[in-house]
């Protein structure tokens, strides 16, 4: 999930099994366009995904 409440921040959240990774990027001074800000958050969030535990079998 990617969410932006204003032009200064962007939040990404991913979940797998019991693991949840949330990234909040905030830039109050000279913020880039929101698309660039969210791209930073998405890139940072993608890095730990390979390390997340697999979902438990149901």
Protein backbone atom coordinates (compact mmCIF):
# COMPACT_ATOMS: atom_id res chain seq x y z
CA UNK A 1 0.00 0.00 0.00
CA UNK A 2 1.27 3.48 -0.85
CA UNK A 3 -0.32 6.53 0.76
CA UNK A 4 0.40 10.24 0.77
CA UNK A 5 -1.51 12.60 3.04
CA UNK A 6 0.24 15.75 1.86
CA UNK A 7 3.07 16.93 -0.40
CA UNK A 8 5.68 16.42 2.33
CA UNK A 9 5.37 12.69 3.09
CA UNK A 10 4.68 9.26 1.64
CA UNK A 11 4.06 5.98 3.48
CA UNK A 12 4.39 2.43 2.18
CA UNK A 13 3.28 -0.74 3.96
CA UNK A 14 3.77 -4.40 3.06
CA UNK A 15 2.87 -7.50 5.07
CA UNK A 16 3.80 -11.15 4.78
CA UNK A 17 2.89 -13.66 7.46
CA UNK A 18 3.56 -11.98 10.80
CA UNK A 19 6.04 -9.45 9.39
CA UNK A 20 4.96 -5.91 8.54
CA UNK A 21 7.25 -3.27 7.07
CA UNK A 22 6.14 0.35 7.09
CA UNK A 23 8.25 3.14 5.66
CA UNK A 24 7.50 6.82 6.13
CA UNK A 25 9.51 9.32 4.10
CA UNK A 26 9.09 12.98 5.09
CA UNK A 27 10.79 15.91 3.44
CA UNK A 28 9.74 19.31 4.82
CA UNK A 29 12.45 21.43 3.23
CA UNK A 30 12.31 21.66 -0.56
CA UNK A 31 10.23 18.49 -1.07
CA UNK A 32 10.47 16.79 -4.47
CA UNK A 33 7.29 15.99 -6.42
CA UNK A 34 5.17 13.44 -4.54
CA UNK A 35 5.87 10.82 -7.23
CA UNK A 36 9.62 11.05 -6.47
CA UNK A 37 9.03 11.03 -2.71
CA UNK A 38 6.91 7.87 -2.96
CA UNK A 39 9.50 6.26 -5.25
CA UNK A 40 12.07 6.71 -2.45
CA UNK A 41 9.68 5.09 0.05
CA UNK A 42 8.90 2.21 -2.32
CA UNK A 43 12.59 1.55 -3.02
CA UNK A 44 13.43 1.55 0.69
CA UNK A 45 10.49 -0.76 1.45
CA UNK A 46 11.45 -3.28 -1.26
CA UNK A 47 14.87 -3.92 0.26
CA UNK A 48 13.76 -6.09 3.25
CA UNK A 49 11.03 -8.00 1.37
CA UNK A 50 13.34 -10.93 0.45
CA UNK A 51 14.15 -11.28 4.18
CA UNK A 52 10.50 -11.41 5.31
CA UNK A 53 9.16 -14.72 6.56
CA UNK A 54 6.86 -16.67 4.29
CA UNK A 55 3.19 -16.86 5.28
CA UNK A 56 2.32 -19.80 7.51
CA UNK A 57 0.41 -22.61 5.81
CA UNK A 58 -3.29 -22.51 6.58
